[in-house]
Amino acid sequence: MHAIDPRRFLRQMPLFSSLGDEELGAIAAGASEVHVPRGRTVFERGDPCHGFHSVVYGQVKLGFVSAQGQEKIVEILGPGQSFGEAVMFMEKPYVVTATALEDCMLLHVGKKGLFEELDRHPVLARRMLAGISRRMHGLIADVEAYTLHTGGQRVVGYLLKDGPESGDRLTLSVSKRAIASRLNITPEYFSRVLHALSARQLIRVEGRAIDILDAGGLRSYQG
């Protein structure tokens, strides 16, 4: 992919859409492209944070390795999504490791120019707070799911998150192992749930493609 115009890319983000050319230019001046091959890390847990990243193309996983040596994926991010804002404001090291699941292009926005514009534009500050709040709300929903929902219900919730109907086909954009880690279950359990749903003729699995045969039955699944 050819080099992008940081100012143009930033303008497409809802966060910065209300800024004028001068303000966008000040933020874009502190932005840089980051190309990360599949499997390489963007940053490690404990690295200093100097800004936040936005995904131009590709996918990035955020996670950490437990004391038992198991990887836990906290979030999987795709084009148009950003990460690192909360740690940037706290001026703390990263608490997770970011790794490219595909060849990625990211835009890194340095905090110096951004902080200067936040001081001048309260609307921009409110939008950033809203974005961080949405991320926090999502993490709380994850904790609720881990506590109150069975592993099977979490898998069904993942399959239904984009509102598919009977007859629709989903394509898993990442590996089943990555999805299982995201849902806090083992890959073997994830496969067993898919098999059970297939046996009930609620879905049909062909590699990474999943056909929704009975969306209503999925929604009422209690396994």
Foldseek 3Di string as FASTA:
>chain_A
DDDDQQLVVQCPAPLCVPDDPVLSVLQSVQKDKDKAAAFDWPDAFQAFDFFKKAWQAAKKWWWAADPVRHIATADIDGHSDMDDPVCNVVRGGHHTIIGTNHTTMMMGTGVPSVVVVVVVDVSSVVSSVVVVVVVVVVSVVLVCCVVPADLLLLLLCVVCVVPDAAFDKDFDPGDLQNVCSNSVHHSVVSVVSVVVCVVVVQWDDDPRMIGGHHNPCSVPDRD
